[in-house]
Amino acid sequence: MHFLQGVCIGVCTTIPHLGCKAVYSKITKAAVEALKPGEFLSDTDVRGFVARRLASGVVTYGLRYRVPGGQRWLSLGLHGDITPDHARRLAKSGIGQVADRRDPVQEQQDARAKAKEAAAITVSGLLDTFLDRHVHKNLRRADEVERTLNKYVRPHIGMKSIYELRRRDVVEMLDTIEDENGPVMADRVLAYTRKAFNWQASRDDAFVPPIVRGMARTKPAERARKRILEDDELRDMWNALDGTEAPACFPAFVRALLLTAQRRDEVARMSWREIKGDIWIIPADRYKTGIENVVPLTPAMVELLGESQKRGFVFSSTNGKLPFSGFSKAKAALDRAIVQQRKIQRRSQIAHWTLHDLRRTARSLMSRAGVLADIAERVLGHKIAGVRGIYDRHHYVQEKRDALERLARLVDQIVNQ
């Protein structure tokens, strides 16, 4: 049963660690300021209410009380920060809690521990767990997700507790990204962050994601690109590659994007072990659809690959040890080469284009070369809708080979006009 500590007069023995002289008196401003180091006042009005002057000269207010198993000291504040009357009111409040069979000190310790535990779960901590337990195990483009979260999310809100994170924090982060990197990147960061927060919410009853509808900076219809390279643009791009100030593997890499109609990362991470004769088998675990894609290599592609190393990654600036990844800088160098080429020829400059536009260009060229739509879609590795896509597991290797050879011939006609 809780009860208040009695008044101590003389040398303090009830709180041995104080090692101080007790004075029985009402705690007032004058009495407190008259205390000498090592002395403390035990209040006559409120039992257990104490003011003590430490060896440093600081006066602290506290409440002494007992609980089963020992004595407690509830710190109320420092003299100067609070007045004796304020401290007395806090002491009375503590007495009320003790009378209700509560332990104010233990409650404070529990609250601090809970706050410390909550603060430890920062956004960065959430992202670490999300990447480890979900992204790397389930997502094909795990490296891109991790790079984006590390580059854009952690510097802005990484150190914030997930329970203290507010909607405005996310909005301010997206505003900065939009201003510095564009609205498309802001939406990409928003999508990855939303996925991480929703994943956490599915595991944590107390966490409510601060992301709501309307935070996106663009609309899906606006983001959908329709750009393909016209014949003269394709010719300029192809010819400018040879004089581009970029890694030696970059020209072959760009041409392979067009001649295989595959995605940028799929081509960049092509390895020699995936090539069996004149067949390139892209494994399911690194293909966007999660289904293995078989890509026949035309004579033009075989010539492009050459016989230089036959080990590690095909397109690499580190002798096959690492896949090529410097897309932005190399693409910028190519753009400069095209600009210079057109400037010399007194022609208007080429409109903005991306490496992914080559995939769309290749698809359009296949239609132009008379390739059936169904086969062209299979070359691109798109999922076939409906029951047919479920039951028809044929690889269509010969049909794909014919389609890619038609594509290669048409590209050759265009670039060598």
Protein backbone atom coordinates (compact mmCIF):
# COMPACT_ATOMS: atom_id res chain seq x y z
CA MET A 1 0.00 0.00 0.00
CA HIS A 2 1.30 3.48 -0.91
CA PHE A 3 1.87 6.00 1.89
CA LEU A 4 3.66 9.35 2.25
CA GLN A 5 7.12 9.64 3.75
CA GLY A 6 7.06 11.29 7.16
CA VAL A 7 8.82 14.50 8.11
CA CYS A 8 12.53 14.23 8.70
CA ILE A 9 14.24 16.51 11.25
CA GLY A 10 17.96 16.56 11.88
CA VAL A 11 20.35 14.45 9.88
CA CYS A 12 18.63 12.71 6.99
CA THR A 13 18.61 8.92 7.35
CA THR A 14 15.49 8.10 5.35
CA ILE A 15 17.17 9.09 2.06
CA PRO A 16 20.78 8.02 2.62
CA HIS A 17 21.98 8.99 -0.85
CA LEU A 18 21.21 12.67 -0.15
CA GLY A 19 23.74 12.86 2.64
CA CYS A 20 22.24 16.19 3.72
CA LYS A 21 20.90 18.08 6.74
CA ALA A 22 17.09 18.25 6.98
CA VAL A 23 15.18 21.34 8.11
CA TYR A 24 11.49 21.18 9.07
CA SER A 25 9.85 24.33 7.69
CA LYS A 26 7.29 25.63 5.24
CA ILE A 27 8.88 25.92 1.83
CA THR A 28 8.91 29.57 0.76
CA LYS A 29 11.05 31.58 -1.60
CA ALA A 30 13.03 33.12 1.26
CA ALA A 31 13.53 29.77 2.99
CA VAL A 32 14.67 28.11 -0.20
CA GLU A 33 17.15 30.86 -1.03
CA ALA A 34 18.58 30.61 2.52
CA LEU A 35 19.43 26.93 2.08
CA LYS A 36 23.09 26.01 2.13
CA PRO A 37 24.63 23.26 -0.03
CA GLY A 38 23.77 19.91 1.52
CA GLU A 39 20.58 21.15 3.27
CA PHE A 40 16.99 20.42 2.40
CA LEU A 41 13.58 21.64 3.55
CA SER A 42 10.76 19.29 4.37
CA ASP A 43 7.49 21.20 3.92
CA THR A 44 5.10 21.50 6.90
CA ASP A 45 1.97 21.86 4.74
CA VAL A 46 2.44 19.07 2.23
CA ARG A 47 3.98 15.89 3.62
CA GLY A 48 6.80 14.59 1.48
CA PHE A 49 7.27 17.87 -0.40
CA VAL A 50 10.99 18.72 -0.29
CA ALA A 51 13.38 21.42 -1.52
CA ARG A 52 17.09 20.59 -1.51
CA ARG A 53 20.21 22.50 -2.45
CA LEU A 54 22.79 20.39 -4.21
CA ALA A 55 26.55 20.78 -3.90
CA SER A 56 26.46 22.66 -7.21
CA GLY A 57 24.24 25.30 -5.61
CA VAL A 58 21.14 24.37 -7.60
CA VAL A 59 17.89 23.93 -5.67
CA THR A 60 15.59 21.16 -6.81
CA TYR A 61 12.03 20.41 -5.71
CA GLY A 62 10.76 16.88 -5.23
CA LEU A 63 8.19 14.62 -3.63
CA ARG A 64 9.16 11.68 -1.42
CA TYR A 65 6.78 8.77 -1.19
CA ARG A 66 6.88 5.02 -0.69
CA VAL A 67 5.66 2.11 -2.74
CA PRO A 68 5.85 -1.57 -1.86
CA GLY A 69 9.51 -2.42 -2.05
CA GLY A 70 11.09 0.99 -1.63
CA GLN A 71 11.05 4.76 -1.51
CA ARG A 72 10.59 7.04 -4.53
CA TRP A 73 11.75 10.54 -5.37
CA LEU A 74 9.58 12.39 -7.86
CA SER A 75 11.47 15.32 -9.36
CA LEU A 76 9.23 18.40 -9.69
CA GLY A 77 11.62 20.98 -11.17
CA LEU A 78 14.38 23.47 -10.40
CA HIS A 79 14.06 26.62 -8.33
CA GLY A 80 14.01 29.55 -10.72
CA ASP A 81 12.29 27.55 -13.43
CA ILE A 82 9.29 27.12 -11.14
CA THR A 83 8.23 28.87 -7.94
CA PRO A 84 7.71 27.20 -4.54
CA ASP A 85 3.93 27.54 -4.95
CA HIS A 86 4.03 25.91 -8.38
CA ALA A 87 6.19 23.10 -7.00
CA ARG A 88 3.74 22.64 -4.10
CA ARG A 89 0.83 22.25 -6.56
CA LEU A 90 2.81 19.62 -8.47
CA ALA A 91 3.56 17.85 -5.18
CA LYS A 92 -0.15 17.77 -4.29
CA SER A 93 -0.91 16.33 -7.71
CA GLY A 94 1.69 13.62 -7.09
CA ILE A 95 0.16 12.89 -3.70
CA GLY A 96 -3.20 12.43 -5.38
CA GLN A 97 -1.70 9.89 -7.78
CA VAL A 98 -0.12 8.01 -4.88
CA ALA A 99 -3.45 8.01 -3.05
CA ASP A 100 -4.99 6.41 -6.15
CA ARG A 101 -2.40 3.61 -5.82
CA ARG A 102 -0.36 4.92 -8.71
CA ASP A 103 3.41 5.34 -8.96
CA PRO A 104 4.23 8.69 -10.65
CA VAL A 105 7.94 7.90 -11.01
CA GLN A 106 7.26 4.54 -12.62
CA GLU A 107 4.72 6.16 -14.94
CA GLN A 108 7.31 8.76 -15.97
CA GLN A 109 9.88 6.04 -16.63
CA ASP A 110 7.38 4.05 -18.67
CA ALA A 111 6.40 7.14 -20.67
CA ARG A 112 10.05 7.97 -21.41
CA ALA A 113 10.74 4.38 -22.44
CA LYS A 114 7.72 4.37 -24.72
CA ALA A 115 8.70 7.70 -26.26
CA LYS A 116 12.26 6.47 -26.76
CA GLU A 117 11.00 3.29 -28.40
CA ALA A 118 8.67 5.28 -30.67
CA ALA A 119 11.42 7.74 -31.59
CA ALA A 120 13.69 4.83 -32.49
CA ILE A 121 11.30 3.82 -35.26
CA THR A 122 12.33 6.52 -37.69
CA VAL A 123 11.47 6.69 -41.36
CA SER A 124 14.99 5.42 -42.12
CA GLY A 125 14.43 2.49 -39.76
CA LEU A 126 11.15 1.73 -41.50
CA LEU A 127 12.86 1.85 -44.90
CA ASP A 128 15.62 -0.49 -43.71
CA THR A 129 13.08 -3.11 -42.66
CA PHE A 130 10.94 -2.55 -45.76
CA LEU A 131 13.91 -3.03 -48.09
CA ASP A 132 15.18 -6.08 -46.24
CA ARG A 133 11.90 -7.93 -45.68
CA HIS A 134 9.92 -6.94 -48.76
CA VAL A 135 11.72 -5.13 -51.58
CA HIS A 136 14.78 -7.35 -52.01
CA LYS A 137 12.68 -10.50 -51.68
CA ASN A 138 9.78 -9.58 -53.93
CA LEU A 139 10.53 -6.72 -56.33
CA ARG A 140 12.47 -7.15 -59.56
CA ARG A 141 13.72 -3.57 -59.60
CA ALA A 142 14.85 -3.65 -55.97
CA ASP A 143 18.07 -1.74 -56.68
CA GLU A 144 16.20 1.17 -58.26
CA VAL A 145 13.71 1.34 -55.38
CA GLU A 146 16.52 1.32 -52.82
CA ARG A 147 18.53 3.96 -54.70
CA THR A 148 15.52 6.27 -55.00
CA LEU A 149 14.56 5.97 -51.33
CA ASN A 150 18.16 6.51 -50.22
CA LYS A 151 18.70 9.53 -52.46
CA TYR A 152 15.43 11.39 -52.00
CA VAL A 153 13.55 10.20 -48.90
CA ARG A 154 16.19 9.63 -46.24
CA PRO A 155 17.82 13.11 -46.52
CA HIS A 156 14.44 14.86 -46.13
CA ILE A 157 12.46 12.84 -43.55
CA GLY A 158 14.70 9.90 -42.66
CA MET A 159 15.38 10.98 -39.06
CA LYS A 160 11.74 11.72 -38.19
CA SER A 161 9.77 9.32 -36.03
CA ILE A 162 7.08 7.62 -38.10
CA TYR A 163 4.55 8.45 -35.38
CA GLU A 164 5.40 12.15 -35.50
CA LEU A 165 5.56 12.41 -39.29
CA ARG A 166 2.96 14.79 -40.70
CA ARG A 167 1.42 15.29 -44.10
CA ARG A 168 3.20 18.62 -44.51
CA ASP A 169 6.57 16.84 -44.08
CA VAL A 170 5.81 14.66 -47.10
CA VAL A 171 4.48 17.61 -49.10
CA GLU A 172 7.59 19.69 -48.41
CA MET A 173 9.78 16.76 -49.49
CA LEU A 174 7.84 16.37 -52.74
CA ASP A 175 7.96 20.13 -53.39
CA THR A 176 11.75 20.11 -53.13
CA ILE A 177 12.09 17.06 -55.39
CA GLU A 178 9.72 18.59 -57.96
CA ASP A 179 11.68 21.85 -58.00
CA GLU A 180 15.08 20.16 -58.31
CA ASN A 181 14.32 16.98 -60.26
CA GLY A 182 10.94 17.46 -61.91
CA PRO A 183 7.37 16.29 -61.25
CA VAL A 184 7.87 12.79 -62.66
CA MET A 185 10.63 12.04 -60.15
CA ALA A 186 8.48 13.51 -57.36
CA ASP A 187 5.68 11.11 -58.30
CA ARG A 188 8.08 8.17 -58.43
CA VAL A 189 9.34 8.98 -54.94
CA LEU A 190 5.74 9.35 -53.77
CA ALA A 191 4.84 5.93 -55.17
CA TYR A 192 7.77 4.16 -53.47
CA THR A 193 7.19 6.02 -50.19
CA ARG A 194 3.48 5.20 -50.23
CA LYS A 195 4.26 1.52 -50.75
CA ALA A 196 6.70 1.53 -47.82
CA PHE A 197 4.23 3.31 -45.53
CA ASN A 198 1.33 1.04 -46.48
CA TRP A 199 3.54 -1.98 -45.85
CA GLN A 200 4.35 -0.65 -42.36
CA ALA A 201 0.67 0.10 -41.66
CA SER A 202 -0.20 -3.53 -42.42
CA ARG A 203 2.15 -4.54 -39.58
CA ASP A 204 1.66 -1.71 -37.08
CA ASP A 205 -1.70 -0.82 -35.49
CA ALA A 206 -0.44 2.57 -34.28
CA PHE A 207 0.98 3.84 -37.58
CA VAL A 208 -1.27 5.87 -39.89
CA PRO A 209 0.41 6.77 -43.22
CA PRO A 210 0.38 10.57 -43.78
CA ILE A 211 -0.10 10.18 -47.55
CA VAL A 212 -3.49 10.95 -49.11
CA ARG A 213 -4.92 11.19 -52.59
CA GLY A 214 -4.08 14.35 -54.47
CA MET A 215 -0.38 14.47 -53.59
CA ALA A 216 0.75 13.39 -57.08
CA ARG A 217 2.25 16.11 -59.26
CA THR A 218 1.19 14.67 -62.62
CA LYS A 219 -1.62 12.56 -64.07
CA PRO A 220 -1.00 9.09 -65.55
CA ALA A 221 -2.37 10.18 -68.91
CA GLU A 222 0.08 13.09 -68.96
CA ARG A 223 3.02 10.84 -68.08
CA ALA A 224 2.32 8.35 -70.84
CA ARG A 225 4.91 8.99 -73.54
CA LYS A 226 4.20 8.61 -77.25
CA ARG A 227 7.58 9.64 -78.58
CA ILE A 228 9.27 7.60 -81.28
CA LEU A 229 12.31 8.60 -83.30
CA GLU A 230 11.68 9.52 -86.90
CA ASP A 231 13.98 8.15 -89.58
CA ASP A 232 16.26 11.19 -89.71
CA GLU A 233 16.45 11.30 -85.90
CA LEU A 234 17.25 7.61 -85.76
CA ARG A 235 19.96 8.06 -88.37
CA ASP A 236 21.48 11.01 -86.50
CA MET A 237 21.44 9.09 -83.22
CA TRP A 238 23.05 5.99 -84.77
CA ASN A 239 25.81 7.95 -86.49
CA ALA A 240 26.50 10.22 -83.51
CA LEU A 241 27.18 7.23 -81.26
CA ASP A 242 30.59 6.61 -82.82
CA GLY A 243 31.84 10.07 -81.84
CA THR A 244 30.26 10.23 -78.40
CA GLU A 245 32.41 10.99 -75.37
CA ALA A 246 31.00 8.10 -73.36
CA PRO A 247 32.23 4.70 -72.12
CA ALA A 248 33.31 2.38 -74.95
CA CYS A 249 30.39 0.01 -74.31
CA PHE A 250 27.74 2.73 -74.67
CA PRO A 251 27.34 2.80 -78.49
CA ALA A 252 26.80 -0.96 -78.66
CA PHE A 253 24.45 -0.77 -75.67
CA VAL A 254 22.22 1.87 -77.31
CA ARG A 255 22.11 -0.01 -80.61
CA ALA A 256 21.22 -3.20 -78.71
CA LEU A 257 18.26 -1.40 -77.14
CA LEU A 258 16.89 -0.79 -80.62
CA LEU A 259 17.78 -4.15 -82.21
CA THR A 260 16.34 -6.26 -79.33
CA ALA A 261 13.44 -3.95 -78.34
CA GLN A 262 14.11 -4.76 -74.68
CA ARG A 263 14.08 -2.43 -71.68
CA ARG A 264 17.10 -0.41 -70.61
CA ASP A 265 17.94 -2.31 -67.41
CA GLU A 266 17.31 -5.69 -69.01
CA VAL A 267 19.88 -4.95 -71.71
CA ALA A 268 22.32 -3.25 -69.33
CA ARG A 269 22.40 -6.33 -67.10
CA MET A 270 22.77 -8.81 -69.95
CA SER A 271 25.42 -11.37 -69.01
CA TRP A 272 27.26 -13.88 -71.15
CA ARG A 273 25.87 -16.76 -69.14
CA GLU A 274 22.37 -15.80 -70.32
CA ILE A 275 23.43 -16.24 -73.95
CA LYS A 276 23.16 -19.73 -75.40
CA GLY A 277 24.46 -19.67 -78.95
CA ASP A 278 22.29 -17.13 -80.76
CA ILE A 279 19.59 -17.11 -78.06
CA TRP A 280 19.42 -14.67 -75.15
CA ILE A 281 17.30 -15.96 -72.27
CA ILE A 282 16.32 -13.21 -69.83
CA PRO A 283 15.48 -14.93 -66.51
CA ALA A 284 12.11 -14.33 -64.88
CA ASP A 285 13.63 -12.91 -61.69
CA ARG A 286 14.91 -9.84 -63.52
CA TYR A 287 12.15 -9.39 -66.07
CA LYS A 288 9.38 -6.88 -65.42
CA THR A 289 6.54 -9.36 -66.04
CA GLY A 290 8.14 -12.02 -63.87
CA ILE A 291 8.14 -14.40 -66.87
CA GLU A 292 11.25 -15.61 -68.67
CA ASN A 293 11.70 -14.00 -72.09
CA VAL A 294 13.55 -15.69 -74.94
CA VAL A 295 15.15 -13.21 -77.37
CA PRO A 296 16.76 -14.58 -80.57
CA LEU A 297 19.97 -12.77 -81.50
CA THR A 298 20.06 -11.72 -85.13
CA PRO A 299 23.32 -11.65 -87.10
CA ALA A 300 23.37 -7.88 -86.56
CA MET A 301 23.19 -8.38 -82.78
CA VAL A 302 25.80 -11.16 -82.79
CA GLU A 303 28.16 -8.87 -84.69
CA LEU A 304 27.39 -6.06 -82.26
CA LEU A 305 28.27 -8.20 -79.23
CA GLY A 306 31.56 -9.36 -80.72
CA GLU A 307 34.00 -11.75 -79.08
CA SER A 308 35.79 -9.37 -76.73
CA GLN A 309 35.41 -11.09 -73.36
CA LYS A 310 32.70 -13.73 -73.09
CA ARG A 311 32.57 -13.35 -69.33
CA GLY A 312 30.60 -11.32 -66.81
CA PHE A 313 28.32 -8.58 -68.08
CA VAL A 314 28.14 -7.91 -71.80
CA PHE A 315 27.90 -4.11 -71.56
CA SER A 316 30.40 -3.03 -68.94
CA SER A 317 33.06 -0.42 -68.37
CA THR A 318 34.76 -2.64 -65.77
CA ASN A 319 35.76 -5.63 -67.93
CA GLY A 320 32.51 -7.42 -67.23
CA LYS A 321 32.62 -7.11 -63.45
CA LEU A 322 29.76 -4.62 -63.19
CA PRO A 323 26.92 -3.79 -65.59
CA PHE A 324 26.91 -0.41 -67.31
CA SER A 325 24.97 2.14 -65.24
CA GLY A 326 26.07 5.66 -66.20
CA PHE A 327 22.98 6.26 -68.33
CA SER A 328 22.41 9.95 -67.62
CA LYS A 329 25.95 11.17 -68.33
CA ALA A 330 26.36 8.99 -71.40
CA LYS A 331 22.96 10.03 -72.80
CA ALA A 332 23.86 13.69 -72.23
CA ALA A 333 27.10 13.17 -74.17
CA LEU A 334 25.14 11.58 -77.02
CA ASP A 335 22.69 14.49 -77.05
CA ARG A 336 25.59 16.94 -77.33
CA ALA A 337 27.03 14.97 -80.24
CA ILE A 338 23.69 15.07 -82.06
CA VAL A 339 23.35 18.80 -81.41
CA GLN A 340 26.82 19.45 -82.82
CA GLN A 341 26.15 17.24 -85.83
CA ARG A 342 22.90 19.04 -86.69
CA LYS A 343 24.45 22.43 -86.05
CA ILE A 344 27.17 21.77 -88.61
CA GLN A 345 24.53 20.70 -91.11
CA ARG A 346 22.40 23.78 -90.29
CA ARG A 347 19.42 21.68 -89.29
CA SER A 348 16.92 22.20 -86.50
CA GLN A 349 17.69 20.46 -83.23
CA ILE A 350 16.17 17.12 -82.28
CA ALA A 351 13.30 17.13 -79.80
CA HIS A 352 13.85 15.63 -76.35
CA TRP A 353 13.94 11.85 -76.31
CA THR A 354 14.81 9.10 -73.85
CA LEU A 355 16.44 5.71 -74.13
CA HIS A 356 13.08 4.06 -73.49
CA ASP A 357 11.75 5.75 -76.63
CA LEU A 358 13.94 3.33 -78.60
CA ARG A 359 11.79 0.44 -77.38
CA ARG A 360 8.67 2.21 -78.64
CA THR A 361 10.48 3.02 -81.88
CA ALA A 362 11.46 -0.63 -82.36
CA ARG A 363 7.86 -1.72 -81.84
CA SER A 364 6.64 0.77 -84.44
CA LEU A 365 9.33 -0.29 -86.91
CA MET A 366 8.30 -3.94 -86.54
CA SER A 367 4.75 -3.02 -87.53
CA ARG A 368 6.17 -1.05 -90.45
CA ALA A 369 8.18 -4.13 -91.50
CA GLY A 370 5.06 -6.28 -91.58
CA VAL A 371 5.49 -8.14 -88.28
CA LEU A 372 2.22 -9.44 -86.85
CA ALA A 373 1.10 -7.51 -83.77
CA ASP A 374 0.91 -10.65 -81.63
CA ILE A 375 4.52 -11.59 -82.42
CA ALA A 376 5.78 -8.03 -81.93
CA GLU A 377 4.18 -7.96 -78.47
CA ARG A 378 5.87 -11.26 -77.62
CA VAL A 379 9.23 -9.85 -78.73
CA LEU A 380 8.71 -6.97 -76.30
CA GLY A 381 7.87 -9.47 -73.57
CA HIS A 382 4.44 -8.04 -72.91
CA LYS A 383 1.94 -10.28 -71.16
CA ILE A 384 -0.69 -11.76 -73.45
CA ALA A 385 -4.12 -11.05 -72.03
CA GLY A 386 -6.85 -13.55 -71.35
CA VAL A 387 -6.93 -17.33 -71.36
CA ARG A 388 -4.42 -17.49 -74.19
CA GLY A 389 -1.80 -15.80 -72.11
CA ILE A 390 -2.32 -18.41 -69.38
CA TYR A 391 -2.33 -21.55 -71.51
CA ASP A 392 -0.08 -20.71 -74.45
CA ARG A 393 3.43 -21.15 -73.04
CA HIS A 394 5.18 -21.53 -76.42
CA HIS A 395 8.30 -19.31 -76.81
CA TYR A 396 7.71 -18.49 -80.50
CA VAL A 397 11.47 -18.45 -81.10
CA GLN A 398 11.32 -18.73 -84.90
CA GLU A 399 8.59 -16.11 -85.18
CA LYS A 400 10.52 -13.74 -82.91
CA ARG A 401 13.70 -14.33 -84.91
CA ASP A 402 11.91 -13.40 -88.12
CA ALA A 403 10.48 -10.27 -86.48
CA LEU A 404 13.86 -9.12 -85.17
CA GLU A 405 15.58 -9.82 -88.50
CA ARG A 406 12.97 -7.68 -90.24
CA LEU A 407 13.59 -4.98 -87.67
CA ALA A 408 17.37 -5.18 -88.21
CA ARG A 409 17.02 -4.92 -91.99
CA LEU A 410 14.75 -1.90 -91.70
CA VAL A 411 17.11 -0.19 -89.24
CA ASP A 412 20.00 -0.86 -91.61
CA GLN A 413 18.08 0.71 -94.49
CA ILE A 414 17.31 3.79 -92.40
CA VAL A 415 20.74 4.44 -90.91
CA ASN A 416 22.62 3.69 -94.13
CA GLN A 417 20.39 5.65 -96.48
